[in-house]
Amino acid sequence: MRVISGSINGGSLLIVGKDSGINNLKDLVGKTVSITTKGSTVETQLRMLLKQEGLAVTNDETGVQIIARSPSDTLTAFRQNEVDAALIPEHWGSLIVQEGYARILVNWDEIPPNNGNMPFTIDY
């Protein structure tokens, strides 16, 4: 196999409910953050971001709770105030923001590793 190029670089946003009161990463303590799939690149990125801030992932309100939802279910969850935040791939992040349910807390170029400089899809 020979890698020709990365075709998608970065592309995930950490969005928060527009009226969630979350203004920085520390405000995620006690909150629920949605990801697309357990064990995914997005979960790894979220865990790295939280670790950089010294935040723990827990199943209670002493840390950040992570749940898995498909992107379309995440949109519904924001509409119904069932999640506080989501680390979600584009175009979904921008769509939820444009719909007026969320705002960007951490843009793709600030997401670890390497400030978003990480290929998601490789052509070979």
PDB file of N, CA and C in Angstrom:
ATOM      1  N   MET A   1       0.838  -1.164   0.000  1.00  0.00           N
ATOM      2  CA  MET A   1       0.000   0.000   0.000  1.00  0.00           C
ATOM      3  C   MET A   1       0.889   1.234   0.000  1.00  0.00           C
ATOM      4  N   ARG A   2       0.484   2.226  -0.762  1.00  0.00           N
ATOM      5  CA  ARG A   2       1.212   3.481  -0.836  1.00  0.00           C
ATOM      6  C   ARG A   2       0.231   4.613  -0.571  1.00  0.00           C
ATOM      7  N   VAL A   3       0.504   5.446   0.427  1.00  0.00           N
ATOM      8  CA  VAL A   3      -0.351   6.579   0.742  1.00  0.00           C
ATOM      9  C   VAL A   3      -0.074   7.687  -0.256  1.00  0.00           C
ATOM     10  N   ILE A   4      -1.129   8.167  -0.895  1.00  0.00           N
ATOM     11  CA  ILE A   4      -0.992   9.250  -1.863  1.00  0.00           C
ATOM     12  C   ILE A   4      -1.191  10.592  -1.184  1.00  0.00           C
ATOM     13  N   SER A   5      -2.255  10.711  -0.396  1.00  0.00           N
ATOM     14  CA  SER A   5      -2.496  11.976   0.291  1.00  0.00           C
ATOM     15  C   SER A   5      -3.597  11.803   1.320  1.00  0.00           C
ATOM     16  N   GLY A   6      -3.631  12.747   2.240  1.00  0.00           N
ATOM     17  CA  GLY A   6      -4.791  12.863   3.109  1.00  0.00           C
ATOM     18  C   GLY A   6      -5.850  13.655   2.364  1.00  0.00           C
ATOM     19  N   SER A   7      -7.090  13.239   2.444  1.00  0.00           N
ATOM     20  CA  SER A   7      -8.122  13.967   1.701  1.00  0.00           C
ATOM     21  C   SER A   7      -9.022  14.818   2.593  1.00  0.00           C
ATOM     22  N   ILE A   8      -9.030  14.553   3.887  1.00  0.00           N
ATOM     23  CA  ILE A   8      -9.778  15.387   4.825  1.00  0.00           C
ATOM     24  C   ILE A   8      -8.876  15.633   6.028  1.00  0.00           C
ATOM     25  N   ASN A   9      -8.729  16.878   6.417  1.00  0.00           N
ATOM     26  CA  ASN A   9      -7.881  17.222   7.543  1.00  0.00           C
ATOM     27  C   ASN A   9      -8.714  17.958   8.583  1.00  0.00           C
ATOM     28  N   GLY A  10      -8.584  17.555   9.846  1.00  0.00           N
ATOM     29  CA  GLY A  10      -9.351  18.211  10.896  1.00  0.00           C
ATOM     30  C   GLY A  10     -10.831  17.967  10.705  1.00  0.00           C
ATOM     31  N   GLY A  11     -11.608  18.976  10.909  1.00  0.00           N
ATOM     32  CA  GLY A  11     -13.009  18.892  10.558  1.00  0.00           C
ATOM     33  C   GLY A  11     -13.983  18.605  11.674  1.00  0.00           C
ATOM     34  N   SER A  12     -13.579  18.661  12.937  1.00  0.00           N
ATOM     35  CA  SER A  12     -14.521  18.489  14.042  1.00  0.00           C
ATOM     36  C   SER A  12     -14.599  19.780  14.843  1.00  0.00           C
ATOM     37  N   LEU A  13     -15.787  20.065  15.340  1.00  0.00           N
ATOM     38  CA  LEU A  13     -16.016  21.245  16.173  1.00  0.00           C
ATOM     39  C   LEU A  13     -16.538  20.815  17.533  1.00  0.00           C
ATOM     40  N   LEU A  14     -16.156  21.538  18.565  1.00  0.00           N
ATOM     41  CA  LEU A  14     -16.800  21.359  19.862  1.00  0.00           C
ATOM     42  C   LEU A  14     -17.833  22.465  19.962  1.00  0.00           C
ATOM     43  N   ILE A  15     -19.101  22.069  19.912  1.00  0.00           N
ATOM     44  CA  ILE A  15     -20.181  23.033  19.984  1.00  0.00           C
ATOM     45  C   ILE A  15     -20.903  22.867  21.312  1.00  0.00           C
ATOM     46  N   VAL A  16     -21.509  23.961  21.770  1.00  0.00           N
ATOM     47  CA  VAL A  16     -22.253  23.947  23.028  1.00  0.00           C
ATOM     48  C   VAL A  16     -23.615  24.590  22.795  1.00  0.00           C
ATOM     49  N   GLY A  17     -24.578  24.165  23.576  1.00  0.00           N
ATOM     50  CA  GLY A  17     -25.901  24.765  23.476  1.00  0.00           C
ATOM     51  C   GLY A  17     -25.822  26.265  23.624  1.00  0.00           C
ATOM     52  N   LYS A  18     -26.560  26.980  22.794  1.00  0.00           N
ATOM     53  CA  LYS A  18     -26.411  28.441  22.771  1.00  0.00           C
ATOM     54  C   LYS A  18     -26.757  29.094  24.104  1.00  0.00           C
ATOM     55  N   ASP A  19     -27.624  28.479  24.885  1.00  0.00           N
ATOM     56  CA  ASP A  19     -27.987  29.025  26.196  1.00  0.00           C
ATOM     57  C   ASP A  19     -27.486  28.143  27.341  1.00  0.00           C
ATOM     58  N   SER A  20     -26.434  27.371  27.081  1.00  0.00           N
ATOM     59  CA  SER A  20     -25.938  26.401  28.068  1.00  0.00           C
ATOM     60  C   SER A  20     -25.159  27.029  29.211  1.00  0.00           C
ATOM     61  N   GLY A  21     -24.673  28.246  29.032  1.00  0.00           N
ATOM     62  CA  GLY A  21     -23.829  28.877  30.041  1.00  0.00           C
ATOM     63  C   GLY A  21     -22.398  28.354  30.020  1.00  0.00           C
ATOM     64  N   ILE A  22     -22.061  27.534  29.031  1.00  0.00           N
ATOM     65  CA  ILE A  22     -20.705  26.997  28.899  1.00  0.00           C
ATOM     66  C   ILE A  22     -19.886  28.000  28.095  1.00  0.00           C
ATOM     67  N   ASN A  23     -18.869  28.571  28.752  1.00  0.00           N
ATOM     68  CA  ASN A  23     -18.037  29.585  28.104  1.00  0.00           C
ATOM     69  C   ASN A  23     -16.592  29.163  27.951  1.00  0.00           C
ATOM     70  N   ASN A  24     -16.210  28.066  28.613  1.00  0.00           N
ATOM     71  CA  ASN A  24     -14.859  27.534  28.473  1.00  0.00           C
ATOM     72  C   ASN A  24     -14.918  26.043  28.783  1.00  0.00           C
ATOM     73  N   LEU A  25     -13.818  25.361  28.563  1.00  0.00           N
ATOM     74  CA  LEU A  25     -13.799  23.910  28.747  1.00  0.00           C
ATOM     75  C   LEU A  25     -14.079  23.500  30.188  1.00  0.00           C
ATOM     76  N   LYS A  26     -13.631  24.274  31.154  1.00  0.00           N
ATOM     77  CA  LYS A  26     -13.866  23.946  32.569  1.00  0.00           C
ATOM     78  C   LYS A  26     -15.367  23.915  32.893  1.00  0.00           C
ATOM     79  N   ASP A  27     -16.155  24.666  32.143  1.00  0.00           N
ATOM     80  CA  ASP A  27     -17.603  24.676  32.355  1.00  0.00           C
ATOM     81  C   ASP A  27     -18.275  23.370  31.937  1.00  0.00           C
ATOM     82  N   LEU A  28     -17.536  22.451  31.314  1.00  0.00           N
ATOM     83  CA  LEU A  28     -18.103  21.162  30.906  1.00  0.00           C
ATOM     84  C   LEU A  28     -18.259  20.182  32.070  1.00  0.00           C
ATOM     85  N   VAL A  29     -17.635  20.479  33.212  1.00  0.00           N
ATOM     86  CA  VAL A  29     -17.773  19.601  34.375  1.00  0.00           C
ATOM     87  C   VAL A  29     -19.252  19.523  34.760  1.00  0.00           C
ATOM     88  N   GLY A  30     -19.732  18.287  34.919  1.00  0.00           N
ATOM     89  CA  GLY A  30     -21.128  18.066  35.254  1.00  0.00           C
ATOM     90  C   GLY A  30     -22.059  18.084  34.053  1.00  0.00           C
ATOM     91  N   LYS A  31     -21.476  18.230  32.862  1.00  0.00           N
ATOM     92  CA  LYS A  31     -22.269  18.324  31.642  1.00  0.00           C
ATOM     93  C   LYS A  31     -22.133  17.055  30.801  1.00  0.00           C
ATOM     94  N   THR A  32     -23.026  16.914  29.830  1.00  0.00           N
ATOM     95  CA  THR A  32     -23.024  15.776  28.921  1.00  0.00           C
ATOM     96  C   THR A  32     -22.579  16.234  27.544  1.00  0.00           C
ATOM     97  N   VAL A  33     -21.574  15.535  27.007  1.00  0.00           N
ATOM     98  CA  VAL A  33     -21.038  15.844  25.676  1.00  0.00           C
ATOM     99  C   VAL A  33     -21.295  14.661  24.767  1.00  0.00           C
ATOM    100  N   SER A  34     -21.859  14.942  23.619  1.00  0.00           N
ATOM    101  CA  SER A  34     -22.149  13.912  22.634  1.00  0.00           C
ATOM    102  C   SER A  34     -20.983  13.754  21.654  1.00  0.00           C
ATOM    103  N   ILE A  35     -20.711  12.505  21.298  1.00  0.00           N
ATOM    104  CA  ILE A  35     -19.760  12.174  20.242  1.00  0.00           C
ATOM    105  C   ILE A  35     -20.484  11.264  19.253  1.00  0.00           C
ATOM    106  N   THR A  36     -19.883  11.017  18.112  1.00  0.00           N
ATOM    107  CA  THR A  36     -20.558  10.212  17.097  1.00  0.00           C
ATOM    108  C   THR A  36     -20.569   8.729  17.421  1.00  0.00           C
ATOM    109  N   THR A  37     -19.457   8.191  17.907  1.00  0.00           N
ATOM    110  CA  THR A  37     -19.346   6.755  18.164  1.00  0.00           C
ATOM    111  C   THR A  37     -18.304   6.512  19.243  1.00  0.00           C
ATOM    112  N   LYS A  38     -18.594   5.598  20.156  1.00  0.00           N
ATOM    113  CA  LYS A  38     -17.582   5.205  21.147  1.00  0.00           C
ATOM    114  C   LYS A  38     -16.413   4.559  20.409  1.00  0.00           C
ATOM    115  N   GLY A  39     -15.201   4.886  20.821  1.00  0.00           N
ATOM    116  CA  GLY A  39     -14.005   4.329  20.212  1.00  0.00           C
ATOM    117  C   GLY A  39     -13.580   5.022  18.927  1.00  0.00           C
ATOM    118  N   SER A  40     -14.250   6.104  18.584  1.00  0.00           N
ATOM    119  CA  SER A  40     -13.961   6.802  17.328  1.00  0.00           C
ATOM    120  C   SER A  40     -12.822   7.809  17.492  1.00  0.00           C
ATOM    121  N   THR A  41     -12.378   8.339  16.373  1.00  0.00           N
ATOM    122  CA  THR A  41     -11.387   9.413  16.379  1.00  0.00           C
ATOM    123  C   THR A  41     -11.915  10.611  17.149  1.00  0.00           C
ATOM    124  N   VAL A  42     -13.197  10.895  16.984  1.00  0.00           N
ATOM    125  CA  VAL A  42     -13.807  12.033  17.681  1.00  0.00           C
ATOM    126  C   VAL A  42     -13.749  11.840  19.201  1.00  0.00           C
ATOM    127  N   GLU A  43     -14.002  10.621  19.675  1.00  0.00           N
ATOM    128  CA  GLU A  43     -13.898  10.380  21.114  1.00  0.00           C
ATOM    129  C   GLU A  43     -12.462  10.579  21.589  1.00  0.00           C
ATOM    130  N   THR A  44     -11.513  10.090  20.819  1.00  0.00           N
ATOM    131  CA  THR A  44     -10.104  10.264  21.176  1.00  0.00           C
ATOM    132  C   THR A  44      -9.756  11.741  21.244  1.00  0.00           C
ATOM    133  N   GLN A  45     -10.214  12.513  20.274  1.00  0.00           N
ATOM    134  CA  GLN A  45      -9.941  13.949  20.275  1.00  0.00           C
ATOM    135  C   GLN A  45     -10.557  14.629  21.493  1.00  0.00           C
ATOM    136  N   LEU A  46     -11.790  14.272  21.832  1.00  0.00           N
ATOM    137  CA  LEU A  46     -12.445  14.868  22.991  1.00  0.00           C
ATOM    138  C   LEU A  46     -11.684  14.526  24.266  1.00  0.00           C
ATOM    139  N   ARG A  47     -11.312  13.272  24.417  1.00  0.00           N
ATOM    140  CA  ARG A  47     -10.577  12.872  25.619  1.00  0.00           C
ATOM    141  C   ARG A  47      -9.235  13.608  25.713  1.00  0.00           C
ATOM    142  N   MET A  48      -8.565  13.798  24.592  1.00  0.00           N
ATOM    143  CA  MET A  48      -7.300  14.550  24.598  1.00  0.00           C
ATOM    144  C   MET A  48      -7.540  16.008  24.994  1.00  0.00           C
ATOM    145  N   LEU A  49      -8.587  16.606  24.453  1.00  0.00           N
ATOM    146  CA  LEU A  49      -8.909  17.998  24.763  1.00  0.00           C
ATOM    147  C   LEU A  49      -9.227  18.156  26.248  1.00  0.00           C
ATOM    148  N   LEU A  50     -10.027  17.244  26.786  1.00  0.00           N
ATOM    149  CA  LEU A  50     -10.374  17.302  28.207  1.00  0.00           C
ATOM    150  C   LEU A  50      -9.145  17.091  29.085  1.00  0.00           C
ATOM    151  N   LYS A  51      -8.293  16.145  28.697  1.00  0.00           N
ATOM    152  CA  LYS A  51      -7.075  15.871  29.474  1.00  0.00           C
ATOM    153  C   LYS A  51      -6.162  17.096  29.504  1.00  0.00           C
ATOM    154  N   GLN A  52      -6.053  17.802  28.384  1.00  0.00           N
ATOM    155  CA  GLN A  52      -5.238  19.022  28.341  1.00  0.00           C
ATOM    156  C   GLN A  52      -5.713  20.046  29.371  1.00  0.00           C
ATOM    157  N   GLU A  53      -6.998  20.050  29.648  1.00  0.00           N
ATOM    158  CA  GLU A  53      -7.572  20.994  30.612  1.00  0.00           C
ATOM    159  C   GLU A  53      -7.642  20.424  32.024  1.00  0.00           C
ATOM    160  N   GLY A  54      -7.178  19.175  32.196  1.00  0.00           N
ATOM    161  CA  GLY A  54      -7.214  18.543  33.508  1.00  0.00           C
ATOM    162  C   GLY A  54      -8.599  18.068  33.914  1.00  0.00           C
ATOM    163  N   LEU A  55      -9.470  17.830  32.947  1.00  0.00           N
ATOM    164  CA  LEU A  55     -10.840  17.399  33.225  1.00  0.00           C
ATOM    165  C   LEU A  55     -10.962  15.887  33.101  1.00  0.00           C
ATOM    166  N   ALA A  56     -11.728  15.298  34.003  1.00  0.00           N
ATOM    167  CA  ALA A  56     -11.928  13.852  34.009  1.00  0.00           C
ATOM    168  C   ALA A  56     -13.220  13.494  33.288  1.00  0.00           C
ATOM    169  N   VAL A  57     -13.212  12.317  32.669  1.00  0.00           N
ATOM    170  CA  VAL A  57     -14.427  11.741  32.101  1.00  0.00           C
ATOM    171  C   VAL A  57     -15.003  10.814  33.152  1.00  0.00           C
ATOM    172  N   THR A  58     -16.269  11.043  33.533  1.00  0.00           N
ATOM    173  CA  THR A  58     -16.913  10.249  34.579  1.00  0.00           C
ATOM    174  C   THR A  58     -18.339   9.886  34.154  1.00  0.00           C
ATOM    175  N   ASN A  59     -18.985   9.103  34.997  1.00  0.00           N
ATOM    176  CA  ASN A  59     -20.394   8.764  34.780  1.00  0.00           C
ATOM    177  C   ASN A  59     -21.306   9.553  35.711  1.00  0.00           C
ATOM    178  N   ASP A  60     -20.744  10.550  36.376  1.00  0.00           N
ATOM    179  CA  ASP A  60     -21.541  11.370  37.278  1.00  0.00           C
ATOM    180  C   ASP A  60     -21.158  12.833  37.091  1.00  0.00           C
ATOM    181  N   GLU A  61     -21.657  13.692  37.944  1.00  0.00           N
ATOM    182  CA  GLU A  61     -21.461  15.127  37.767  1.00  0.00           C
ATOM    183  C   GLU A  61     -20.117  15.656  38.266  1.00  0.00           C
ATOM    184  N   THR A  62     -19.209  14.760  38.678  1.00  0.00           N
ATOM    185  CA  THR A  62     -17.886  15.206  39.126  1.00  0.00           C
ATOM    186  C   THR A  62     -16.940  15.441  37.952  1.00  0.00           C
ATOM    187  N   GLY A  63     -17.359  15.022  36.768  1.00  0.00           N
ATOM    188  CA  GLY A  63     -16.534  15.195  35.574  1.00  0.00           C
ATOM    189  C   GLY A  63     -17.423  15.402  34.365  1.00  0.00           C
ATOM    190  N   VAL A  64     -16.864  15.138  33.208  1.00  0.00           N
ATOM    191  CA  VAL A  64     -17.582  15.287  31.948  1.00  0.00           C
ATOM    192  C   VAL A  64     -18.129  13.924  31.541  1.00  0.00           C
ATOM    193  N   GLN A  65     -19.403  13.876  31.231  1.00  0.00           N
ATOM    194  CA  GLN A  65     -20.037  12.636  30.793  1.00  0.00           C
ATOM    195  C   GLN A  65     -20.079  12.613  29.261  1.00  0.00           C
ATOM    196  N   ILE A  66     -19.700  11.475  28.678  1.00  0.00           N
ATOM    197  CA  ILE A  66     -19.685  11.321  27.227  1.00  0.00           C
ATOM    198  C   ILE A  66     -20.745  10.308  26.824  1.00  0.00           C
ATOM    199  N   ILE A  67     -21.563  10.683  25.844  1.00  0.00           N
ATOM    200  CA  ILE A  67     -22.533   9.755  25.275  1.00  0.00           C
ATOM    201  C   ILE A  67     -22.343   9.714  23.764  1.00  0.00           C
ATOM    202  N   ALA A  68     -22.750   8.624  23.154  1.00  0.00           N
ATOM    203  CA  ALA A  68     -22.645   8.483  21.696  1.00  0.00           C
ATOM    204  C   ALA A  68     -24.021   8.656  21.066  1.00  0.00           C
ATOM    205  N   ARG A  69     -24.068   9.504  20.048  1.00  0.00           N
ATOM    206  CA  ARG A  69     -25.285   9.738  19.266  1.00  0.00           C
ATOM    207  C   ARG A  69     -24.864   9.954  17.817  1.00  0.00           C
ATOM    208  N   SER A  70     -25.672   9.497  16.907  1.00  0.00           N
ATOM    209  CA  SER A  70     -25.393   9.793  15.495  1.00  0.00           C
ATOM    210  C   SER A  70     -25.512  11.305  15.294  1.00  0.00           C
ATOM    211  N   PRO A  71     -24.882  11.849  14.256  1.00  0.00           N
ATOM    212  CA  PRO A  71     -24.989  13.298  14.033  1.00  0.00           C
ATOM    213  C   PRO A  71     -26.428  13.803  13.927  1.00  0.00           C
ATOM    214  N   SER A  72     -27.289  13.077  13.220  1.00  0.00           N
ATOM    215  CA  SER A  72     -28.675  13.545  13.106  1.00  0.00           C
ATOM    216  C   SER A  72     -29.379  13.485  14.460  1.00  0.00           C
ATOM    217  N   ASP A  73     -29.082  12.474  15.274  1.00  0.00           N
ATOM    218  CA  ASP A  73     -29.659  12.396  16.615  1.00  0.00           C
ATOM    219  C   ASP A  73     -29.101  13.490  17.520  1.00  0.00           C
ATOM    220  N   THR A  74     -27.869  13.914  17.261  1.00  0.00           N
ATOM    221  CA  THR A  74     -27.283  15.006  18.040  1.00  0.00           C
ATOM    222  C   THR A  74     -28.019  16.309  17.755  1.00  0.00           C
ATOM    223  N   LEU A  75     -28.382  16.536  16.512  1.00  0.00           N
ATOM    224  CA  LEU A  75     -29.185  17.715  16.171  1.00  0.00           C
ATOM    225  C   LEU A  75     -30.494  17.693  16.955  1.00  0.00           C
ATOM    226  N   THR A  76     -31.170  16.561  16.966  1.00  0.00           N
ATOM    227  CA  THR A  76     -32.413  16.426  17.725  1.00  0.00           C
ATOM    228  C   THR A  76     -32.171  16.639  19.214  1.00  0.00           C
ATOM    229  N   ALA A  77     -31.068  16.101  19.727  1.00  0.00           N
ATOM    230  CA  ALA A  77     -30.736  16.252  21.149  1.00  0.00           C
ATOM    231  C   ALA A  77     -30.529  17.724  21.513  1.00  0.00           C
ATOM    232  N   PHE A  78     -29.912  18.494  20.627  1.00  0.00           N
ATOM    233  CA  PHE A  78     -29.768  19.934  20.882  1.00  0.00           C
ATOM    234  C   PHE A  78     -31.135  20.617  20.843  1.00  0.00           C
ATOM    235  N   ARG A  79     -31.965  20.244  19.899  1.00  0.00           N
ATOM    236  CA  ARG A  79     -33.308  20.831  19.811  1.00  0.00           C
ATOM    237  C   ARG A  79     -34.097  20.602  21.099  1.00  0.00           C
ATOM    238  N   GLN A  80     -33.914  19.422  21.707  1.00  0.00           N
ATOM    239  CA  GLN A  80     -34.671  19.052  22.894  1.00  0.00           C
ATOM    240  C   GLN A  80     -33.897  19.268  24.196  1.00  0.00           C
ATOM    241  N   ASN A  81     -32.743  19.949  24.119  1.00  0.00           N
ATOM    242  CA  ASN A  81     -31.913  20.239  25.295  1.00  0.00           C
ATOM    243  C   ASN A  81     -31.522  18.984  26.064  1.00  0.00           C
ATOM    244  N   GLU A  82     -31.216  17.905  25.347  1.00  0.00           N
ATOM    245  CA  GLU A  82     -30.812  16.641  25.977  1.00  0.00           C
ATOM    246  C   GLU A  82     -29.298  16.525  26.140  1.00  0.00           C
ATOM    247  N   VAL A  83     -28.542  17.341  25.425  1.00  0.00           N
ATOM    248  CA  VAL A  83     -27.088  17.367  25.576  1.00  0.00           C
ATOM    249  C   VAL A  83     -26.651  18.810  25.773  1.00  0.00           C
ATOM    250  N   ASP A  84     -25.504  18.956  26.416  1.00  0.00           N
ATOM    251  CA  ASP A  84     -24.977  20.293  26.655  1.00  0.00           C
ATOM    252  C   ASP A  84     -23.981  20.719  25.591  1.00  0.00           C
ATOM    253  N   ALA A  85     -23.296  19.715  25.020  1.00  0.00           N
ATOM    254  CA  ALA A  85     -22.238  19.994  24.056  1.00  0.00           C
ATOM    255  C   ALA A  85     -22.046  18.774  23.156  1.00  0.00           C
ATOM    256  N   ALA A  86     -21.284  18.965  22.078  1.00  0.00           N
ATOM    257  CA  ALA A  86     -20.953  17.852  21.193  1.00  0.00           C
ATOM    258  C   ALA A  86     -19.631  18.139  20.497  1.00  0.00           C
ATOM    259  N   LEU A  87     -18.814  17.112  20.397  1.00  0.00           N
ATOM    260  CA  LEU A  87     -17.657  17.176  19.497  1.00  0.00           C
ATOM    261  C   LEU A  87     -18.116  16.387  18.289  1.00  0.00           C
ATOM    262  N   ILE A  88     -18.298  17.086  17.194  1.00  0.00           N
ATOM    263  CA  ILE A  88     -18.990  16.513  16.050  1.00  0.00           C
ATOM    264  C   ILE A  88     -18.305  16.930  14.752  1.00  0.00           C
ATOM    265  N   PRO A  89     -18.209  16.004  13.797  1.00  0.00           N
ATOM    266  CA  PRO A  89     -17.581  16.340  12.521  1.00  0.00           C
ATOM    267  C   PRO A  89     -18.414  17.350  11.729  1.00  0.00           C
ATOM    268  N   GLU A  90     -17.721  18.045  10.869  1.00  0.00           N
ATOM    269  CA  GLU A  90     -18.400  18.913   9.920  1.00  0.00           C
ATOM    270  C   GLU A  90     -19.091  18.060   8.875  1.00  0.00           C
ATOM    271  N   HIS A  91     -20.035  18.485   8.344  1.00  0.00           N
ATOM    272  CA  HIS A  91     -20.848  19.665   8.231  1.00  0.00           C
ATOM    273  C   HIS A  91     -21.863  19.784   9.351  1.00  0.00           C
ATOM    274  N   TRP A  92     -21.971  18.733  10.178  1.00  0.00           N
ATOM    275  CA  TRP A  92     -22.980  18.701  11.230  1.00  0.00           C
ATOM    276  C   TRP A  92     -22.804  19.808  12.249  1.00  0.00           C
ATOM    277  N   GLY A  93     -21.565  20.088  12.650  1.00  0.00           N
ATOM    278  CA  GLY A  93     -21.337  21.144  13.630  1.00  0.00           C
ATOM    279  C   GLY A  93     -21.853  22.483  13.141  1.00  0.00           C
ATOM    280  N   SER A  94     -21.477  22.837  11.920  1.00  0.00           N
ATOM    281  CA  SER A  94     -21.932  24.111  11.353  1.00  0.00           C
ATOM    282  C   SER A  94     -23.435  24.139  11.149  1.00  0.00           C
ATOM    283  N   LEU A  95     -24.021  23.010  10.769  1.00  0.00           N
ATOM    284  CA  LEU A  95     -25.465  22.937  10.572  1.00  0.00           C
ATOM    285  C   LEU A  95     -26.216  23.212  11.878  1.00  0.00           C
ATOM    286  N   ILE A  96     -25.778  22.584  12.964  1.00  0.00           N
ATOM    287  CA  ILE A  96     -26.441  22.783  14.257  1.00  0.00           C
ATOM    288  C   ILE A  96     -26.286  24.235  14.722  1.00  0.00           C
ATOM    289  N   VAL A  97     -25.116  24.821  14.463  1.00  0.00           N
ATOM    290  CA  VAL A  97     -24.895  26.231  14.790  1.00  0.00           C
ATOM    291  C   VAL A  97     -25.808  27.111  13.932  1.00  0.00           C
ATOM    292  N   GLN A  98     -25.853  26.863  12.633  1.00  0.00           N
ATOM    293  CA  GLN A  98     -26.694  27.660  11.728  1.00  0.00           C
ATOM    294  C   GLN A  98     -28.178  27.541  12.057  1.00  0.00           C
ATOM    295  N   GLU A  99     -28.586  26.383  12.554  1.00  0.00           N
ATOM    296  CA  GLU A  99     -29.986  26.195  12.950  1.00  0.00           C
ATOM    297  C   GLU A  99     -30.320  26.987  14.212  1.00  0.00           C
ATOM    298  N   GLY A 100     -29.295  27.500  14.899  1.00  0.00           N
ATOM    299  CA  GLY A 100     -29.523  28.340  16.065  1.00  0.00           C
ATOM    300  C   GLY A 100     -29.567  27.612  17.395  1.00  0.00           C
ATOM    301  N   TYR A 101     -29.169  26.329  17.404  1.00  0.00           N
ATOM    302  CA  TYR A 101     -29.228  25.545  18.645  1.00  0.00           C
ATOM    303  C   TYR A 101     -27.917  25.543  19.414  1.00  0.00           C
ATOM    304  N   ALA A 102     -26.827  25.951  18.781  1.00  0.00           N
ATOM    305  CA  ALA A 102     -25.516  25.862  19.425  1.00  0.00           C
ATOM    306  C   ALA A 102     -24.602  26.973  18.918  1.00  0.00           C
ATOM    307  N   ARG A 103     -23.463  27.058  19.595  1.00  0.00           N
ATOM    308  CA  ARG A 103     -22.390  27.951  19.153  1.00  0.00           C
ATOM    309  C   ARG A 103     -21.078  27.198  19.295  1.00  0.00           C
ATOM    310  N   ILE A 104     -20.067  27.654  18.594  1.00  0.00           N
ATOM    311  CA  ILE A 104     -18.763  26.983  18.605  1.00  0.00           C
ATOM    312  C   ILE A 104     -17.997  27.392  19.861  1.00  0.00           C
ATOM    313  N   LEU A 105     -17.535  26.392  20.617  1.00  0.00           N
ATOM    314  CA  LEU A 105     -16.670  26.645  21.761  1.00  0.00           C
ATOM    315  C   LEU A 105     -15.207  26.461  21.368  1.00  0.00           C
ATOM    316  N   VAL A 106     -14.917  25.381  20.628  1.00  0.00           N
ATOM    317  CA  VAL A 106     -13.557  25.119  20.161  1.00  0.00           C
ATOM    318  C   VAL A 106     -13.632  24.799  18.675  1.00  0.00           C
ATOM    319  N   ASN A 107     -12.959  25.601  17.868  1.00  0.00           N
ATOM    320  CA  ASN A 107     -12.961  25.417  16.423  1.00  0.00           C
ATOM    321  C   ASN A 107     -12.057  24.256  16.025  1.00  0.00           C
ATOM    322  N   TRP A 108     -12.217  23.769  14.818  1.00  0.00           N
ATOM    323  CA  TRP A 108     -11.491  22.583  14.351  1.00  0.00           C
ATOM    324  C   TRP A 108      -9.979  22.739  14.466  1.00  0.00           C
ATOM    325  N   ASP A 109      -9.460  23.949  14.261  1.00  0.00           N
ATOM    326  CA  ASP A 109      -8.010  24.147  14.265  1.00  0.00           C
ATOM    327  C   ASP A 109      -7.426  24.320  15.669  1.00  0.00           C
ATOM    328  N   GLU A 110      -8.244  24.038  16.684  1.00  0.00           N
ATOM    329  CA  GLU A 110      -7.770  24.031  18.069  1.00  0.00           C
ATOM    330  C   GLU A 110      -7.984  22.670  18.718  1.00  0.00           C
ATOM    331  N   ILE A 111      -8.507  21.723  17.952  1.00  0.00           N
ATOM    332  CA  ILE A 111      -8.793  20.386  18.462  1.00  0.00           C
ATOM    333  C   ILE A 111      -7.523  19.538  18.368  1.00  0.00           C
ATOM    334  N   PRO A 112      -7.172  18.819  19.432  1.00  0.00           N
ATOM    335  CA  PRO A 112      -5.997  17.955  19.368  1.00  0.00           C
ATOM    336  C   PRO A 112      -6.267  16.721  18.509  1.00  0.00           C
ATOM    337  N   PRO A 113      -5.247  16.051  18.064  1.00  0.00           N
ATOM    338  CA  PRO A 113      -3.847  16.434  18.208  1.00  0.00           C
ATOM    339  C   PRO A 113      -3.445  17.449  17.148  1.00  0.00           C
ATOM    340  N   ASN A 114      -2.395  18.124  17.367  1.00  0.00           N
ATOM    341  CA  ASN A 114      -1.768  19.023  16.389  1.00  0.00           C
ATOM    342  C   ASN A 114      -2.693  20.135  15.917  1.00  0.00           C
ATOM    343  N   ASN A 115      -3.539  20.633  16.798  1.00  0.00           N
ATOM    344  CA  ASN A 115      -4.444  21.727  16.447  1.00  0.00           C
ATOM    345  C   ASN A 115      -5.210  21.477  15.149  1.00  0.00           C
ATOM    346  N   GLY A 116      -5.859  20.324  15.086  1.00  0.00           N
ATOM    347  CA  GLY A 116      -6.679  19.989  13.932  1.00  0.00           C
ATOM    348  C   GLY A 116      -5.918  19.458  12.746  1.00  0.00           C
ATOM    349  N   ASN A 117      -4.605  19.438  12.816  1.00  0.00           N
ATOM    350  CA  ASN A 117      -3.792  18.960  11.691  1.00  0.00           C
ATOM    351  C   ASN A 117      -3.645  17.447  11.795  1.00  0.00           C
ATOM    352  N   MET A 118      -4.736  16.767  11.467  1.00  0.00           N
ATOM    353  CA  MET A 118      -4.763  15.312  11.548  1.00  0.00           C
ATOM    354  C   MET A 118      -5.670  14.784  10.442  1.00  0.00           C
ATOM    355  N   PRO A 119      -5.130  14.024   9.516  1.00  0.00           N
ATOM    356  CA  PRO A 119      -5.984  13.518   8.429  1.00  0.00           C
ATOM    357  C   PRO A 119      -7.011  12.520   8.942  1.00  0.00           C
ATOM    358  N   PHE A 120      -8.256  12.686   8.527  1.00  0.00           N
ATOM    359  CA  PHE A 120      -9.324  11.754   8.852  1.00  0.00           C
ATOM    360  C   PHE A 120      -9.479  10.691   7.773  1.00  0.00           C
ATOM    361  N   THR A 121      -9.227  11.065   6.551  1.00  0.00           N
ATOM    362  CA  THR A 121      -9.381  10.133   5.427  1.00  0.00           C
ATOM    363  C   THR A 121      -8.108  10.141   4.623  1.00  0.00           C
ATOM    364  N   ILE A 122      -7.624   8.963   4.282  1.00  0.00           N
ATOM    365  CA  ILE A 122      -6.390   8.813   3.518  1.00  0.00           C
ATOM    366  C   ILE A 122      -6.719   8.133   2.190  1.00  0.00           C
ATOM    367  N   ASP A 123      -6.198   8.677   1.110  1.00  0.00           N
ATOM    368  CA  ASP A 123      -6.316   8.040  -0.205  1.00  0.00           C
ATOM    369  C   ASP A 123      -5.066   7.232  -0.467  1.00  0.00           C
ATOM    370  N   TYR A 124      -5.267   6.051  -0.983  1.00  0.00           N
ATOM    371  CA  TYR A 124      -4.112   5.223  -1.323  1.00  0.00           C
ATOM    372  C   TYR A 124      -4.364   4.491  -2.622  1.00  0.00           C
TER     373      TYR A 124
END
